[in-house]
């Protein structure tokens, strides 16, 4: 019979190792960005958001309301700063509202 190892690992450490070994970190970042957008902006903005994409440090937000797009364009720098703080790293350097 094989001997059991008594090393214990946290689920968090195991998941991070799995993500790192399988090169899934970029995909996980994209998911985190989308979740953070919906959490930070709330249900009012989330209902008018049709698409959230992260491409080469550029966050592309597609909105179905031109009025909301214009309002959000005034606070782009603040949105970028808040999103990066919520995510925990400088993932976003530019914001495009389409």
PDB file of N, CA and C in Angstrom:
ATOM      1  N   UNK A   1       0.819  -1.176   0.000  1.00  0.00           N
ATOM      2  CA  UNK A   1       0.000   0.000   0.000  1.00  0.00           C
ATOM      3  C   UNK A   1       0.871   1.251   0.000  1.00  0.00           C
ATOM      4  N   UNK A   2       0.374   2.283  -0.680  1.00  0.00           N
ATOM      5  CA  UNK A   2       1.109   3.543  -0.737  1.00  0.00           C
ATOM      6  C   UNK A   2       0.946   4.300   0.574  1.00  0.00           C
ATOM      7  N   UNK A   3       1.990   4.978   0.932  1.00  0.00           N
ATOM      8  CA  UNK A   3       1.974   5.755   2.169  1.00  0.00           C
ATOM      9  C   UNK A   3       1.267   7.093   1.921  1.00  0.00           C
ATOM     10  N   UNK A   4       0.433   7.488   2.839  1.00  0.00           N
ATOM     11  CA  UNK A   4      -0.282   8.746   2.717  1.00  0.00           C
ATOM     12  C   UNK A   4       0.599   9.899   3.165  1.00  0.00           C
ATOM     13  N   UNK A   5       0.477  10.984   2.463  1.00  0.00           N
ATOM     14  CA  UNK A   5       1.184  12.184   2.893  1.00  0.00           C
ATOM     15  C   UNK A   5       0.265  12.977   3.802  1.00  0.00           C
ATOM     16  N   UNK A   6       0.823  13.514   4.857  1.00  0.00           N
ATOM     17  CA  UNK A   6       0.036  14.274   5.815  1.00  0.00           C
ATOM     18  C   UNK A   6       0.141  15.775   5.604  1.00  0.00           C
ATOM     19  N   UNK A   7       0.662  16.184   4.439  1.00  0.00           N
ATOM     20  CA  UNK A   7       0.739  17.609   4.147  1.00  0.00           C
ATOM     21  C   UNK A   7      -0.664  18.132   3.877  1.00  0.00           C
ATOM     22  N   UNK A   8      -0.984  19.240   4.503  1.00  0.00           N
ATOM     23  CA  UNK A   8      -2.304  19.837   4.271  1.00  0.00           C
ATOM     24  C   UNK A   8      -2.124  21.159   3.531  1.00  0.00           C
ATOM     25  N   UNK A   9      -2.995  21.378   2.588  1.00  0.00           N
ATOM     26  CA  UNK A   9      -2.951  22.595   1.789  1.00  0.00           C
ATOM     27  C   UNK A   9      -4.330  23.237   1.831  1.00  0.00           C
ATOM     28  N   UNK A  10      -4.343  24.548   1.779  1.00  0.00           N
ATOM     29  CA  UNK A  10      -5.638  25.231   1.733  1.00  0.00           C
ATOM     30  C   UNK A  10      -6.186  25.146   0.311  1.00  0.00           C
ATOM     31  N   UNK A  11      -7.476  25.245   0.190  1.00  0.00           N
ATOM     32  CA  UNK A  11      -8.124  25.191  -1.110  1.00  0.00           C
ATOM     33  C   UNK A  11      -7.657  26.374  -1.966  1.00  0.00           C
ATOM     34  N   UNK A  12      -7.463  27.517  -1.329  1.00  0.00           N
ATOM     35  CA  UNK A  12      -6.997  28.711  -2.043  1.00  0.00           C
ATOM     36  C   UNK A  12      -5.639  28.455  -2.686  1.00  0.00           C
ATOM     37  N   UNK A  13      -4.710  27.869  -1.939  1.00  0.00           N
ATOM     38  CA  UNK A  13      -3.375  27.579  -2.468  1.00  0.00           C
ATOM     39  C   UNK A  13      -3.438  26.567  -3.608  1.00  0.00           C
ATOM     40  N   UNK A  14      -4.286  25.562  -3.449  1.00  0.00           N
ATOM     41  CA  UNK A  14      -4.430  24.557  -4.504  1.00  0.00           C
ATOM     42  C   UNK A  14      -5.008  25.155  -5.779  1.00  0.00           C
ATOM     43  N   UNK A  15      -6.020  26.025  -5.636  1.00  0.00           N
ATOM     44  CA  UNK A  15      -6.624  26.661  -6.804  1.00  0.00           C
ATOM     45  C   UNK A  15      -5.636  27.592  -7.502  1.00  0.00           C
ATOM     46  N   UNK A  16      -4.866  28.361  -6.726  1.00  0.00           N
ATOM     47  CA  UNK A  16      -3.879  29.250  -7.325  1.00  0.00           C
ATOM     48  C   UNK A  16      -2.806  28.457  -8.066  1.00  0.00           C
ATOM     49  N   UNK A  17      -2.400  27.343  -7.520  1.00  0.00           N
ATOM     50  CA  UNK A  17      -1.428  26.483  -8.186  1.00  0.00           C
ATOM     51  C   UNK A  17      -1.987  25.911  -9.482  1.00  0.00           C
ATOM     52  N   UNK A  18      -3.237  25.486  -9.447  1.00  0.00           N
ATOM     53  CA  UNK A  18      -3.888  24.946 -10.637  1.00  0.00           C
ATOM     54  C   UNK A  18      -4.007  26.009 -11.732  1.00  0.00           C
ATOM     55  N   UNK A  19      -4.397  27.211 -11.348  1.00  0.00           N
ATOM     56  CA  UNK A  19      -4.535  28.310 -12.308  1.00  0.00           C
ATOM     57  C   UNK A  19      -3.185  28.652 -12.920  1.00  0.00           C
ATOM     58  N   UNK A  20      -2.158  28.691 -12.104  1.00  0.00           N
ATOM     59  CA  UNK A  20      -0.811  29.021 -12.575  1.00  0.00           C
ATOM     60  C   UNK A  20      -0.263  27.937 -13.505  1.00  0.00           C
ATOM     61  N   UNK A  21      -0.432  26.674 -13.151  1.00  0.00           N
ATOM     62  CA  UNK A  21       0.087  25.563 -13.949  1.00  0.00           C
ATOM     63  C   UNK A  21      -0.601  25.449 -15.304  1.00  0.00           C
ATOM     64  N   UNK A  22      -1.871  25.805 -15.376  1.00  0.00           N
ATOM     65  CA  UNK A  22      -2.632  25.659 -16.613  1.00  0.00           C
ATOM     66  C   UNK A  22      -2.794  26.971 -17.387  1.00  0.00           C
ATOM     67  N   UNK A  23      -2.031  27.993 -17.009  1.00  0.00           N
ATOM     68  CA  UNK A  23      -2.050  29.293 -17.698  1.00  0.00           C
ATOM     69  C   UNK A  23      -3.464  29.866 -17.822  1.00  0.00           C
ATOM     70  N   UNK A  24      -4.183  29.882 -16.730  1.00  0.00           N
ATOM     71  CA  UNK A  24      -5.552  30.386 -16.728  1.00  0.00           C
ATOM     72  C   UNK A  24      -5.680  31.772 -16.106  1.00  0.00           C
ATOM     73  N   UNK A  25      -4.572  32.402 -15.759  1.00  0.00           N
ATOM     74  CA  UNK A  25      -4.630  33.667 -15.022  1.00  0.00           C
ATOM     75  C   UNK A  25      -5.277  34.796 -15.820  1.00  0.00           C
ATOM     76  N   UNK A  26      -5.033  34.875 -17.126  1.00  0.00           N
ATOM     77  CA  UNK A  26      -5.646  35.941 -17.925  1.00  0.00           C
ATOM     78  C   UNK A  26      -7.159  35.768 -17.995  1.00  0.00           C
ATOM     79  N   UNK A  27      -7.620  34.557 -18.159  1.00  0.00           N
ATOM     80  CA  UNK A  27      -9.054  34.297 -18.204  1.00  0.00           C
ATOM     81  C   UNK A  27      -9.714  34.598 -16.870  1.00  0.00           C
ATOM     82  N   UNK A  28      -9.034  34.267 -15.795  1.00  0.00           N
ATOM     83  CA  UNK A  28      -9.579  34.548 -14.468  1.00  0.00           C
ATOM     84  C   UNK A  28      -9.633  36.055 -14.224  1.00  0.00           C
ATOM     85  N   UNK A  29      -8.637  36.795 -14.738  1.00  0.00           N
ATOM     86  CA  UNK A  29      -8.651  38.253 -14.611  1.00  0.00           C
ATOM     87  C   UNK A  29      -9.852  38.838 -15.333  1.00  0.00           C
ATOM     88  N   UNK A  30     -10.146  38.328 -16.515  1.00  0.00           N
ATOM     89  CA  UNK A  30     -11.275  38.837 -17.285  1.00  0.00           C
ATOM     90  C   UNK A  30     -12.592  38.612 -16.550  1.00  0.00           C
ATOM     91  N   UNK A  31     -12.720  37.456 -15.933  1.00  0.00           N
ATOM     92  CA  UNK A  31     -13.928  37.161 -15.154  1.00  0.00           C
ATOM     93  C   UNK A  31     -14.018  38.084 -13.948  1.00  0.00           C
ATOM     94  N   UNK A  32     -12.903  38.289 -13.276  1.00  0.00           N
ATOM     95  CA  UNK A  32     -12.862  39.159 -12.098  1.00  0.00           C
ATOM     96  C   UNK A  32     -13.229  40.591 -12.472  1.00  0.00           C
ATOM     97  N   UNK A  33     -12.745  41.058 -13.628  1.00  0.00           N
ATOM     98  CA  UNK A  33     -13.052  42.416 -14.079  1.00  0.00           C
ATOM     99  C   UNK A  33     -14.547  42.572 -14.322  1.00  0.00           C
ATOM    100  N   UNK A  34     -15.149  41.603 -14.968  1.00  0.00           N
ATOM    101  CA  UNK A  34     -16.588  41.673 -15.250  1.00  0.00           C
ATOM    102  C   UNK A  34     -17.405  41.668 -13.955  1.00  0.00           C
ATOM    103  N   UNK A  35     -17.039  40.804 -13.027  1.00  0.00           N
ATOM    104  CA  UNK A  35     -17.744  40.756 -11.738  1.00  0.00           C
ATOM    105  C   UNK A  35     -17.584  42.071 -10.982  1.00  0.00           C
ATOM    106  N   UNK A  36     -16.378  42.622 -10.998  1.00  0.00           N
ATOM    107  CA  UNK A  36     -16.107  43.871 -10.289  1.00  0.00           C
ATOM    108  C   UNK A  36     -16.906  45.016 -10.886  1.00  0.00           C
ATOM    109  N   UNK A  37     -17.009  45.065 -12.217  1.00  0.00           N
ATOM    110  CA  UNK A  37     -17.798  46.113 -12.877  1.00  0.00           C
ATOM    111  C   UNK A  37     -19.245  46.085 -12.391  1.00  0.00           C
ATOM    112  N   UNK A  38     -19.859  44.915 -12.387  1.00  0.00           N
ATOM    113  CA  UNK A  38     -21.256  44.803 -11.977  1.00  0.00           C
ATOM    114  C   UNK A  38     -21.438  45.119 -10.496  1.00  0.00           C
ATOM    115  N   UNK A  39     -20.472  44.732  -9.659  1.00  0.00           N
ATOM    116  CA  UNK A  39     -20.569  45.029  -8.225  1.00  0.00           C
ATOM    117  C   UNK A  39     -20.410  46.522  -7.956  1.00  0.00           C
ATOM    118  N   UNK A  40     -19.428  47.150  -8.595  1.00  0.00           N
ATOM    119  CA  UNK A  40     -19.136  48.562  -8.329  1.00  0.00           C
ATOM    120  C   UNK A  40     -20.204  49.495  -8.887  1.00  0.00           C
ATOM    121  N   UNK A  41     -20.700  49.202 -10.064  1.00  0.00           N
ATOM    122  CA  UNK A  41     -21.627  50.117 -10.725  1.00  0.00           C
ATOM    123  C   UNK A  41     -23.068  49.933 -10.277  1.00  0.00           C
ATOM    124  N   UNK A  42     -23.369  48.802  -9.714  1.00  0.00           N
ATOM    125  CA  UNK A  42     -24.711  48.576  -9.200  1.00  0.00           C
ATOM    126  C   UNK A  42     -25.702  48.146 -10.275  1.00  0.00           C
ATOM    127  N   UNK A  43     -26.919  47.838  -9.852  1.00  0.00           N
ATOM    128  CA  UNK A  43     -27.908  47.301 -10.788  1.00  0.00           C
ATOM    129  C   UNK A  43     -28.370  48.305 -11.841  1.00  0.00           C
ATOM    130  N   UNK A  44     -28.350  49.599 -11.538  1.00  0.00           N
ATOM    131  CA  UNK A  44     -28.788  50.608 -12.502  1.00  0.00           C
ATOM    132  C   UNK A  44     -27.919  50.629 -13.745  1.00  0.00           C
ATOM    133  N   UNK A  45     -26.609  50.641 -13.563  1.00  0.00           N
ATOM    134  CA  UNK A  45     -25.676  50.651 -14.692  1.00  0.00           C
ATOM    135  C   UNK A  45     -25.585  49.252 -15.297  1.00  0.00           C
ATOM    136  N   UNK A  46     -25.650  48.228 -14.472  1.00  0.00           N
ATOM    137  CA  UNK A  46     -25.527  46.852 -14.961  1.00  0.00           C
ATOM    138  C   UNK A  46     -26.639  46.495 -15.944  1.00  0.00           C
ATOM    139  N   UNK A  47     -27.826  47.049 -15.753  1.00  0.00           N
ATOM    140  CA  UNK A  47     -28.917  46.746 -16.677  1.00  0.00           C
ATOM    141  C   UNK A  47     -28.688  47.352 -18.059  1.00  0.00           C
ATOM    142  N   UNK A  48     -27.931  48.439 -18.127  1.00  0.00           N
ATOM    143  CA  UNK A  48     -27.634  49.086 -19.402  1.00  0.00           C
ATOM    144  C   UNK A  48     -26.309  48.620 -19.994  1.00  0.00           C
ATOM    145  N   UNK A  49     -25.578  47.752 -19.284  1.00  0.00           N
ATOM    146  CA  UNK A  49     -24.310  47.227 -19.780  1.00  0.00           C
ATOM    147  C   UNK A  49     -24.583  45.963 -20.579  1.00  0.00           C
ATOM    148  N   UNK A  50     -24.153  45.961 -21.837  1.00  0.00           N
ATOM    149  CA  UNK A  50     -24.378  44.788 -22.685  1.00  0.00           C
ATOM    150  C   UNK A  50     -23.131  43.915 -22.799  1.00  0.00           C
ATOM    151  N   UNK A  51     -21.944  44.510 -22.599  1.00  0.00           N
ATOM    152  CA  UNK A  51     -20.717  43.733 -22.739  1.00  0.00           C
ATOM    153  C   UNK A  51     -19.598  44.369 -21.927  1.00  0.00           C
ATOM    154  N   UNK A  52     -18.783  43.507 -21.277  1.00  0.00           N
ATOM    155  CA  UNK A  52     -17.602  43.940 -20.536  1.00  0.00           C
ATOM    156  C   UNK A  52     -16.441  43.082 -21.019  1.00  0.00           C
ATOM    157  N   UNK A  53     -15.432  43.722 -21.616  1.00  0.00           N
ATOM    158  CA  UNK A  53     -14.284  42.988 -22.146  1.00  0.00           C
ATOM    159  C   UNK A  53     -12.990  43.635 -21.662  1.00  0.00           C
ATOM    160  N   UNK A  54     -11.978  42.816 -21.477  1.00  0.00           N
ATOM    161  CA  UNK A  54     -10.648  43.299 -21.133  1.00  0.00           C
ATOM    162  C   UNK A  54      -9.694  42.830 -22.221  1.00  0.00           C
ATOM    163  N   UNK A  55      -9.098  43.788 -22.936  1.00  0.00           N
ATOM    164  CA  UNK A  55      -8.160  43.459 -24.002  1.00  0.00           C
ATOM    165  C   UNK A  55      -6.931  44.345 -23.856  1.00  0.00           C
ATOM    166  N   UNK A  56      -5.777  43.735 -23.623  1.00  0.00           N
ATOM    167  CA  UNK A  56      -4.505  44.465 -23.540  1.00  0.00           C
ATOM    168  C   UNK A  56      -4.567  45.674 -22.614  1.00  0.00           C
ATOM    169  N   UNK A  57      -5.009  45.463 -21.383  1.00  0.00           N
ATOM    170  CA  UNK A  57      -5.114  46.498 -20.355  1.00  0.00           C
ATOM    171  C   UNK A  57      -6.138  47.574 -20.680  1.00  0.00           C
ATOM    172  N   UNK A  58      -6.999  47.338 -21.667  1.00  0.00           N
ATOM    173  CA  UNK A  58      -8.065  48.266 -22.012  1.00  0.00           C
ATOM    174  C   UNK A  58      -9.399  47.621 -21.660  1.00  0.00           C
ATOM    175  N   UNK A  59     -10.164  48.295 -20.821  1.00  0.00           N
ATOM    176  CA  UNK A  59     -11.491  47.822 -20.443  1.00  0.00           C
ATOM    177  C   UNK A  59     -12.498  48.411 -21.425  1.00  0.00           C
ATOM    178  N   UNK A  60     -13.189  47.555 -22.147  1.00  0.00           N
ATOM    179  CA  UNK A  60     -14.158  47.985 -23.153  1.00  0.00           C
ATOM    180  C   UNK A  60     -15.548  47.672 -22.619  1.00  0.00           C
ATOM    181  N   UNK A  61     -16.319  48.726 -22.383  1.00  0.00           N
ATOM    182  CA  UNK A  61     -17.667  48.601 -21.842  1.00  0.00           C
ATOM    183  C   UNK A  61     -18.653  48.999 -22.922  1.00  0.00           C
ATOM    184  N   UNK A  62     -19.556  48.103 -23.250  1.00  0.00           N
ATOM    185  CA  UNK A  62     -20.592  48.398 -24.247  1.00  0.00           C
ATOM    186  C   UNK A  62     -21.887  48.683 -23.506  1.00  0.00           C
ATOM    187  N   UNK A  63     -22.443  49.869 -23.765  1.00  0.00           N
ATOM    188  CA  UNK A  63     -23.658  50.312 -23.090  1.00  0.00           C
ATOM    189  C   UNK A  63     -24.757  50.534 -24.121  1.00  0.00           C
ATOM    190  N   UNK A  64     -26.009  50.344 -23.707  1.00  0.00           N
ATOM    191  CA  UNK A  64     -27.125  50.581 -24.616  1.00  0.00           C
ATOM    192  C   UNK A  64     -27.816  51.911 -24.344  1.00  0.00           C
ATOM    193  N   UNK A  65     -27.190  52.771 -23.531  1.00  0.00           N
ATOM    194  CA  UNK A  65     -27.740  54.083 -23.210  1.00  0.00           C
ATOM    195  C   UNK A  65     -26.683  55.153 -23.495  1.00  0.00           C
ATOM    196  N   UNK A  66     -26.977  56.023 -24.457  1.00  0.00           N
ATOM    197  CA  UNK A  66     -26.021  57.079 -24.801  1.00  0.00           C
ATOM    198  C   UNK A  66     -25.880  58.101 -23.672  1.00  0.00           C
ATOM    199  N   UNK A  67     -26.947  58.334 -22.935  1.00  0.00           N
ATOM    200  CA  UNK A  67     -26.904  59.278 -21.820  1.00  0.00           C
ATOM    201  C   UNK A  67     -25.981  58.748 -20.723  1.00  0.00           C
ATOM    202  N   UNK A  68     -26.112  57.479 -20.393  1.00  0.00           N
ATOM    203  CA  UNK A  68     -25.256  56.855 -19.384  1.00  0.00           C
ATOM    204  C   UNK A  68     -23.804  56.842 -19.849  1.00  0.00           C
ATOM    205  N   UNK A  69     -23.573  56.557 -21.107  1.00  0.00           N
ATOM    206  CA  UNK A  69     -22.219  56.548 -21.677  1.00  0.00           C
ATOM    207  C   UNK A  69     -21.566  57.924 -21.486  1.00  0.00           C
ATOM    208  N   UNK A  70     -22.312  58.970 -21.762  1.00  0.00           N
ATOM    209  CA  UNK A  70     -21.796  60.333 -21.618  1.00  0.00           C
ATOM    210  C   UNK A  70     -21.495  60.657 -20.154  1.00  0.00           C
ATOM    211  N   UNK A  71     -22.381  60.273 -19.263  1.00  0.00           N
ATOM    212  CA  UNK A  71     -22.175  60.518 -17.832  1.00  0.00           C
ATOM    213  C   UNK A  71     -20.936  59.791 -17.310  1.00  0.00           C
ATOM    214  N   UNK A  72     -20.780  58.529 -17.699  1.00  0.00           N
ATOM    215  CA  UNK A  72     -19.632  57.759 -17.238  1.00  0.00           C
ATOM    216  C   UNK A  72     -18.321  58.253 -17.842  1.00  0.00           C
ATOM    217  N   UNK A  73     -18.380  58.863 -19.018  1.00  0.00           N
ATOM    218  CA  UNK A  73     -17.148  59.333 -19.663  1.00  0.00           C
ATOM    219  C   UNK A  73     -16.483  60.450 -18.864  1.00  0.00           C
ATOM    220  N   UNK A  74     -17.241  61.180 -18.053  1.00  0.00           N
ATOM    221  CA  UNK A  74     -16.668  62.245 -17.237  1.00  0.00           C
ATOM    222  C   UNK A  74     -15.795  61.706 -16.105  1.00  0.00           C
ATOM    223  N   UNK A  75     -16.032  60.478 -15.684  1.00  0.00           N
ATOM    224  CA  UNK A  75     -15.295  59.917 -14.549  1.00  0.00           C
ATOM    225  C   UNK A  75     -14.428  58.731 -14.911  1.00  0.00           C
ATOM    226  N   UNK A  76     -13.882  58.700 -16.129  1.00  0.00           N
ATOM    227  CA  UNK A  76     -13.106  57.541 -16.581  1.00  0.00           C
ATOM    228  C   UNK A  76     -11.919  57.242 -15.665  1.00  0.00           C
ATOM    229  N   UNK A  77     -11.153  58.261 -15.314  1.00  0.00           N
ATOM    230  CA  UNK A  77      -9.961  58.055 -14.480  1.00  0.00           C
ATOM    231  C   UNK A  77     -10.338  57.497 -13.112  1.00  0.00           C
ATOM    232  N   UNK A  78     -11.419  58.011 -12.558  1.00  0.00           N
ATOM    233  CA  UNK A  78     -11.879  57.531 -11.255  1.00  0.00           C
ATOM    234  C   UNK A  78     -12.343  56.078 -11.338  1.00  0.00           C
ATOM    235  N   UNK A  79     -13.032  55.732 -12.414  1.00  0.00           N
ATOM    236  CA  UNK A  79     -13.501  54.357 -12.605  1.00  0.00           C
ATOM    237  C   UNK A  79     -12.313  53.408 -12.723  1.00  0.00           C
ATOM    238  N   UNK A  80     -11.301  53.796 -13.502  1.00  0.00           N
ATOM    239  CA  UNK A  80     -10.105  52.964 -13.664  1.00  0.00           C
ATOM    240  C   UNK A  80      -9.429  52.748 -12.318  1.00  0.00           C
ATOM    241  N   UNK A  81      -9.276  53.818 -11.555  1.00  0.00           N
ATOM    242  CA  UNK A  81      -8.619  53.718 -10.246  1.00  0.00           C
ATOM    243  C   UNK A  81      -9.401  52.811  -9.293  1.00  0.00           C
ATOM    244  N   UNK A  82     -10.711  52.987  -9.252  1.00  0.00           N
ATOM    245  CA  UNK A  82     -11.544  52.179  -8.359  1.00  0.00           C
ATOM    246  C   UNK A  82     -11.542  50.713  -8.769  1.00  0.00           C
ATOM    247  N   UNK A  83     -11.598  50.447 -10.061  1.00  0.00           N
ATOM    248  CA  UNK A  83     -11.583  49.062 -10.548  1.00  0.00           C
ATOM    249  C   UNK A  83     -10.262  48.383 -10.198  1.00  0.00           C
ATOM    250  N   UNK A  84      -9.144  49.058 -10.436  1.00  0.00           N
ATOM    251  CA  UNK A  84      -7.836  48.482 -10.129  1.00  0.00           C
ATOM    252  C   UNK A  84      -7.686  48.209  -8.631  1.00  0.00           C
ATOM    253  N   UNK A  85      -8.198  49.121  -7.799  1.00  0.00           N
ATOM    254  CA  UNK A  85      -8.138  48.903  -6.345  1.00  0.00           C
ATOM    255  C   UNK A  85      -8.982  47.702  -5.940  1.00  0.00           C
ATOM    256  N   UNK A  86     -10.149  47.571  -6.530  1.00  0.00           N
ATOM    257  CA  UNK A  86     -11.041  46.454  -6.189  1.00  0.00           C
ATOM    258  C   UNK A  86     -10.454  45.121  -6.638  1.00  0.00           C
ATOM    259  N   UNK A  87      -9.778  45.112  -7.793  1.00  0.00           N
ATOM    260  CA  UNK A  87      -9.184  43.882  -8.310  1.00  0.00           C
ATOM    261  C   UNK A  87      -7.913  43.533  -7.554  1.00  0.00           C
ATOM    262  N   UNK A  88      -7.171  44.548  -7.125  1.00  0.00           N
ATOM    263  CA  UNK A  88      -5.957  44.303  -6.352  1.00  0.00           C
ATOM    264  C   UNK A  88      -4.672  44.409  -7.155  1.00  0.00           C
ATOM    265  N   UNK A  89      -4.765  44.795  -8.428  1.00  0.00           N
ATOM    266  CA  UNK A  89      -3.567  45.002  -9.249  1.00  0.00           C
ATOM    267  C   UNK A  89      -3.927  45.940 -10.397  1.00  0.00           C
ATOM    268  N   UNK A  90      -2.907  46.498 -11.022  1.00  0.00           N
ATOM    269  CA  UNK A  90      -3.138  47.436 -12.131  1.00  0.00           C
ATOM    270  C   UNK A  90      -3.370  46.659 -13.425  1.00  0.00           C
ATOM    271  N   UNK A  91      -4.579  46.178 -13.572  1.00  0.00           N
ATOM    272  CA  UNK A  91      -4.972  45.400 -14.736  1.00  0.00           C
ATOM    273  C   UNK A  91      -5.478  46.310 -15.845  1.00  0.00           C
ATOM    274  N   UNK A  92      -6.052  47.447 -15.461  1.00  0.00           N
ATOM    275  CA  UNK A  92      -6.690  48.353 -16.425  1.00  0.00           C
ATOM    276  C   UNK A  92      -5.895  49.652 -16.506  1.00  0.00           C
ATOM    277  N   UNK A  93      -5.579  50.071 -17.731  1.00  0.00           N
ATOM    278  CA  UNK A  93      -4.909  51.365 -17.908  1.00  0.00           C
ATOM    279  C   UNK A  93      -5.735  52.320 -18.763  1.00  0.00           C
ATOM    280  N   UNK A  94      -6.731  51.803 -19.480  1.00  0.00           N
ATOM    281  CA  UNK A  94      -7.555  52.623 -20.362  1.00  0.00           C
ATOM    282  C   UNK A  94      -8.994  52.105 -20.315  1.00  0.00           C
ATOM    283  N   UNK A  95      -9.945  53.020 -20.438  1.00  0.00           N
ATOM    284  CA  UNK A  95     -11.370  52.679 -20.422  1.00  0.00           C
ATOM    285  C   UNK A  95     -12.031  53.207 -21.692  1.00  0.00           C
ATOM    286  N   UNK A  96     -12.690  52.322 -22.407  1.00  0.00           N
ATOM    287  CA  UNK A  96     -13.442  52.721 -23.603  1.00  0.00           C
ATOM    288  C   UNK A  96     -14.918  52.425 -23.372  1.00  0.00           C
ATOM    289  N   UNK A  97     -15.744  53.430 -23.588  1.00  0.00           N
ATOM    290  CA  UNK A  97     -17.187  53.270 -23.456  1.00  0.00           C
ATOM    291  C   UNK A  97     -17.800  53.333 -24.851  1.00  0.00           C
ATOM    292  N   UNK A  98     -18.390  52.236 -25.272  1.00  0.00           N
ATOM    293  CA  UNK A  98     -18.994  52.159 -26.609  1.00  0.00           C
ATOM    294  C   UNK A  98     -20.461  51.833 -26.529  1.00  0.00           C
TER     295      UNK A  98
END
